[in-house]
Every structure is written in structure tokens, then in C-alpha cells.
Amino acid sequence: MAKASMPSEEGTKDVSLGPACVVLGIFLLVGVSIFFVYMSIMLMGNQGKAAARSVREQLIPWVEQSLLSQGDRQSIISKLDDVAGQMEREELTGRQLTRLGIRLTESTILQWGAVEQLNLIAQRSELSAEEKAEFALTCDRWLHCAATGRLNMQDMEFGTQNVCVKEHPSGRLKPRDDIDESSLREFMSRISTMCDRFQIPKEEFTKSVSQVFLEVIESGLAEK
């Protein structure tokens, strides 16, 4: 998925730009056509409530149907519900909404259920015990890479190219039905190369997917 072209935070005023960025980020994430993105931005005016509706009507249902673990889904939905409440009460500035829209557009975390499913497939496969351990560690490193904000959707789609398909119209990544050991090894090689490129340490990453997502949200709301 291509990154949305977002304006600089410098000089951003608290007008319709903030809600527009949130809605644009959500629509790009869930794979709705650009025509409806444009229409939503044109119709929403300058109310944060429009962004809240997009969170409640588009993003939360998308997360509910995702491949993330139940615990991660519950934590993420709870946080999104809290943020939507802040939007409805117009407690967030235009700059905060703009940053949040950028974070949602660029983050790969909500797609991480596909990676977790791939790890389960690998652990049940005919890979050797050593390969299975390396596979799990490499997935941990990749999550660590995502947590740093350096892993974008283009990287993720390239890494999962031979083991996942993108559902339409949701835009959700889903493991292929015909994954074999060769495909798993290719996936592991691709993401290991990315982790090495970004100098991610070869060690277990202790944060959960939901913890990483909460950090993404907090980074968007950190400053007024």
C-alpha cells in the first residue's frame, strides 16, 4: 500500500485537515476506494466527530475481523474506543489528528495477525526444530522492526509476497492456502534481510502487538 501524502506538521492549523488525515489513514488501511476517501473528506467539514465515526464504523470493525489474537484485538479496540470518545468530545487538536492519521497510514501493526498465523503454520510444518526456532525469532525481530516505525507497508507486502494474499475490499493480509516449507524459508530470508538492514538485534522481542500499537497511538497524541 502506498503511503498517503500528508502535509507537514509545521504550520498545520486546527481545521479540517486533522480529521481528514485520520479518515484518509483509516480508509487506506481498510482498502476502500480513493473515490470514497475523497468524498468523505469533502463531506466531513471540520469536526473531529467525523474522524470518530470513521474509527467506530470502519477501523474497529476491521480490527474485530482481523487475524490478531483475541487479547490483542480487545486491547486495541478498547484504545480505539477511548480515542474515538476524545474525538467526539473534540478534545484533540488538528495537529494531533493529523499525526494520528499519519501513524495509522504508515503503521503495519494492525496487519500483524498474518505474521502470527505464518509462525503457527511454520511451527506445524516439516521445518527442522532449528528452523522453527529461527523462524519464531525472526518474526520477533520483524515486530521489533515494526515497533521502531521503520517497517512500512511496502516492506511488509514484499516480505509476505509469496506467503500471503491481500483480501479485497478489506485490504487485509491473509496467509495463502498452499504454503510449503520452501515458501516459509523464502519469507524468513526476506524478513531477516530487512531486520539486518535496520540493525535489529537477534534477540526475543518482549512487547506484544497491542503494546506496540498503543505506543503508535500515544506517539500521535503526545503533543497538542
Protein backbone atom coordinates (compact mmCIF):
# COMPACT_ATOMS: atom_id res chain seq x y z
CA MET A 1 0.00 0.00 0.00
CA ALA A 2 1.42 3.36 -0.96
CA LYS A 3 1.97 5.93 1.73
CA ALA A 4 -0.54 8.74 1.79
CA SER A 5 0.88 12.14 1.02
CA MET A 6 0.43 14.04 4.24
CA PRO A 7 1.17 17.68 4.95
CA SER A 8 3.96 18.74 7.25
CA GLU A 9 3.06 19.26 10.89
CA GLU A 10 4.72 22.67 10.64
CA GLY A 11 2.12 25.36 10.33
CA THR A 12 -0.82 22.95 10.50
CA LYS A 13 -3.89 24.72 11.87
CA ASP A 14 -6.75 23.12 13.76
CA VAL A 15 -9.14 22.96 10.82
CA SER A 16 -10.50 20.12 8.73
CA LEU A 17 -7.03 18.79 7.85
CA GLY A 18 -6.71 16.78 11.08
CA PRO A 19 -9.93 14.77 10.79
CA ALA A 20 -9.24 14.35 7.07
CA CYS A 21 -5.88 12.74 7.79
CA VAL A 22 -7.42 10.30 10.27
CA VAL A 23 -10.18 9.30 7.88
CA LEU A 24 -7.75 9.02 4.96
CA GLY A 25 -5.43 6.81 7.00
CA ILE A 26 -8.29 4.52 8.02
CA PHE A 27 -9.73 4.25 4.51
CA LEU A 28 -6.31 3.48 3.03
CA LEU A 29 -5.77 0.83 5.69
CA VAL A 30 -9.04 -0.96 5.12
CA GLY A 31 -8.78 -0.81 1.34
CA VAL A 32 -11.75 1.39 0.43
CA SER A 33 -11.51 3.08 -2.97
CA ILE A 34 -9.91 6.52 -3.24
CA PHE A 35 -13.18 7.93 -4.61
CA PHE A 36 -14.94 7.29 -1.30
CA VAL A 37 -11.93 8.64 0.60
CA TYR A 38 -12.22 11.88 -1.37
CA MET A 39 -15.98 12.10 -0.85
CA SER A 40 -15.64 11.51 2.90
CA ILE A 41 -13.07 14.30 3.22
CA MET A 42 -15.24 16.67 1.20
CA LEU A 43 -18.35 15.96 3.26
CA MET A 44 -16.98 15.87 6.79
CA GLY A 45 -16.43 19.59 7.39
CA ASN A 46 -14.10 20.47 10.25
CA GLN A 47 -15.45 18.26 13.03
CA GLY A 48 -13.38 15.67 14.89
CA LYS A 49 -16.66 13.78 15.20
CA ALA A 50 -16.27 12.75 11.55
CA ALA A 51 -12.96 11.10 12.39
CA ALA A 52 -14.63 9.38 15.37
CA ARG A 53 -17.30 7.92 13.09
CA SER A 54 -14.61 6.56 10.80
CA VAL A 55 -12.86 4.92 13.76
CA ARG A 56 -16.10 3.36 15.05
CA GLU A 57 -17.65 2.40 11.70
CA GLN A 58 -14.54 1.41 9.71
CA LEU A 59 -11.47 0.78 11.83
CA ILE A 60 -12.91 -1.01 14.88
CA PRO A 61 -14.94 -3.49 12.77
CA TRP A 62 -11.81 -4.09 10.66
CA VAL A 63 -9.83 -4.94 13.80
CA GLU A 64 -12.65 -7.16 15.09
CA GLN A 65 -12.38 -9.27 11.92
CA SER A 66 -8.58 -9.30 11.85
CA LEU A 67 -6.26 -12.26 12.45
CA LEU A 68 -4.83 -10.72 15.62
CA SER A 69 -5.11 -12.71 18.84
CA GLN A 70 -8.22 -12.13 20.91
CA GLY A 71 -6.26 -10.41 23.67
CA ASP A 72 -4.57 -8.02 21.25
CA ARG A 73 -7.86 -7.28 19.49
CA GLN A 74 -9.57 -6.44 22.78
CA SER A 75 -6.75 -4.13 23.91
CA ILE A 76 -6.57 -2.34 20.57
CA ILE A 77 -10.35 -1.92 20.27
CA SER A 78 -10.53 -0.56 23.82
CA LYS A 79 -7.88 2.05 22.99
CA LEU A 80 -9.55 2.97 19.70
CA ASP A 81 -12.86 3.38 21.50
CA ASP A 82 -11.20 5.72 24.01
CA VAL A 83 -9.63 7.77 21.20
CA ALA A 84 -12.96 7.95 19.35
CA GLY A 85 -14.51 9.31 22.53
CA GLN A 86 -11.85 12.02 22.69
CA MET A 87 -12.58 12.89 19.07
CA GLU A 88 -16.33 13.10 19.71
CA ARG A 89 -15.73 15.43 22.66
CA GLU A 90 -13.38 17.45 20.41
CA GLU A 91 -10.55 17.11 22.93
CA LEU A 92 -7.89 16.55 20.24
CA THR A 93 -6.27 19.32 18.25
CA GLY A 94 -5.93 19.36 14.48
CA ARG A 95 -2.22 18.62 14.85
CA GLN A 96 -2.93 15.57 17.00
CA LEU A 97 -5.46 14.27 14.48
CA THR A 98 -3.01 14.87 11.63
CA ARG A 99 -0.23 12.97 13.39
CA LEU A 100 -2.63 10.17 14.29
CA GLY A 101 -3.72 9.88 10.66
CA ILE A 102 -0.08 9.65 9.57
CA ARG A 103 0.67 6.96 12.17
CA LEU A 104 -2.36 4.90 11.13
CA THR A 105 -1.43 5.18 7.46
CA GLU A 106 2.20 4.17 7.96
CA SER A 107 1.87 1.53 10.69
CA THR A 108 1.97 -2.18 9.82
CA ILE A 109 0.89 -3.35 13.27
CA LEU A 110 -2.79 -3.99 12.55
CA GLN A 111 -1.74 -6.46 9.84
CA TRP A 112 0.40 -8.44 12.28
CA GLY A 113 -2.13 -11.22 12.72
CA ALA A 114 -0.97 -12.57 9.35
CA VAL A 115 2.61 -12.84 10.66
CA GLU A 116 1.42 -14.63 13.80
CA GLN A 117 -0.53 -17.08 11.64
CA LEU A 118 2.54 -17.69 9.49
CA ASN A 119 4.53 -18.52 12.62
CA LEU A 120 1.86 -21.04 13.66
CA ILE A 121 2.00 -22.61 10.20
CA ALA A 122 5.79 -22.80 10.43
CA GLN A 123 5.69 -24.47 13.85
CA ARG A 124 3.33 -27.15 12.49
CA SER A 125 5.33 -27.66 9.29
CA GLU A 126 8.12 -30.06 8.34
CA LEU A 127 10.79 -27.47 9.03
CA SER A 128 13.57 -28.70 11.32
CA ALA A 129 13.49 -27.80 15.02
CA GLU A 130 16.34 -25.34 14.43
CA GLU A 131 14.47 -23.69 11.55
CA LYS A 132 11.30 -23.40 13.62
CA ALA A 133 13.19 -21.68 16.42
CA GLU A 134 14.87 -19.35 13.92
CA PHE A 135 11.51 -18.61 12.28
CA ALA A 136 9.94 -17.57 15.60
CA LEU A 137 12.95 -15.41 16.49
CA THR A 138 12.94 -13.76 13.07
CA CYS A 139 9.23 -12.90 13.43
CA ASP A 140 10.07 -11.34 16.81
CA ARG A 141 12.81 -9.28 15.20
CA TRP A 142 10.40 -8.15 12.48
CA LEU A 143 7.89 -6.98 15.10
CA HIS A 144 10.72 -5.11 16.81
CA CYS A 145 11.48 -3.52 13.44
CA ALA A 146 7.82 -2.50 13.07
CA ALA A 147 7.84 -1.05 16.58
CA THR A 148 10.66 1.31 15.61
CA GLY A 149 8.47 2.73 12.81
CA ARG A 150 10.96 1.78 10.11
CA LEU A 151 8.86 -1.01 8.57
CA ASN A 152 6.31 0.36 6.10
CA MET A 153 3.51 -1.39 4.23
CA GLN A 154 5.58 -1.73 1.06
CA ASP A 155 8.20 -3.62 3.07
CA MET A 156 5.55 -5.79 4.69
CA GLU A 157 3.87 -6.66 1.41
CA PHE A 158 7.23 -7.52 -0.16
CA GLY A 159 8.18 -9.68 2.82
CA THR A 160 4.90 -11.62 2.71
CA GLN A 161 4.58 -11.66 -1.08
CA ASN A 162 4.98 -15.43 -1.53
CA VAL A 163 3.06 -16.48 1.59
CA CYS A 164 0.11 -14.05 1.84
CA VAL A 165 -2.64 -12.62 -0.31
CA LYS A 166 -4.43 -9.30 0.15
CA GLU A 167 -8.17 -9.67 0.57
CA HIS A 168 -10.50 -7.31 -1.27
CA PRO A 169 -12.06 -4.97 -0.39
CA SER A 170 -10.74 -5.16 3.19
CA GLY A 171 -7.04 -4.87 2.29
CA ARG A 172 -6.31 -7.48 4.96
CA LEU A 173 -3.26 -9.73 4.53
CA LYS A 174 -4.09 -13.42 4.83
CA PRO A 175 -1.80 -16.50 4.61
CA ARG A 176 -2.09 -18.47 1.37
CA ASP A 177 -3.66 -21.91 1.43
CA ASP A 178 -0.73 -23.60 -0.33
CA ILE A 179 2.25 -22.58 1.82
CA ASP A 180 5.08 -25.11 1.77
CA GLU A 181 8.43 -25.26 3.55
CA SER A 182 10.20 -23.58 0.64
CA SER A 183 7.83 -20.61 0.84
CA LEU A 184 8.34 -20.36 4.59
CA ARG A 185 12.11 -20.32 4.15
CA GLU A 186 11.84 -17.60 1.49
CA PHE A 187 9.66 -15.49 3.80
CA MET A 188 12.14 -15.96 6.66
CA SER A 189 15.04 -14.98 4.41
CA ARG A 190 13.29 -11.81 3.22
CA ILE A 191 12.33 -10.52 6.63
CA SER A 192 15.69 -11.48 8.14
CA THR A 193 17.40 -9.37 5.47
CA MET A 194 15.15 -6.42 6.37
CA CYS A 195 15.94 -6.80 10.07
CA ASP A 196 19.67 -6.90 9.34
CA ARG A 197 19.33 -3.79 7.16
CA PHE A 198 17.71 -1.92 10.04
CA GLN A 199 20.21 -3.38 12.54
CA ILE A 200 17.57 -5.11 14.66
CA PRO A 201 19.25 -7.26 17.34
CA LYS A 202 18.96 -11.03 17.09
CA GLU A 203 17.01 -11.46 20.30
CA GLU A 204 13.48 -12.08 21.52
CA PHE A 205 11.20 -9.04 21.48
CA THR A 206 9.09 -8.95 24.64
CA LYS A 207 6.38 -6.44 23.68
CA SER A 208 3.02 -7.68 22.43
CA VAL A 209 1.36 -6.48 19.22
CA SER A 210 -1.18 -4.47 21.22
CA GLN A 211 1.57 -2.82 23.29
CA VAL A 212 3.31 -1.72 20.10
CA PHE A 213 0.02 -0.38 18.69
CA LEU A 214 -0.68 1.61 21.88
CA GLU A 215 2.75 3.20 21.51
CA VAL A 216 1.88 4.15 17.92
CA ILE A 217 -1.30 5.87 19.13
CA GLU A 218 0.43 7.61 22.03
CA SER A 219 3.14 8.94 19.72
CA GLY A 220 0.43 10.55 17.62
CA LEU A 221 -1.25 12.16 20.62
CA ALA A 222 1.87 13.06 22.61
CA GLU A 223 1.84 16.79 21.84
CA LYS A 224 -1.06 19.19 21.39
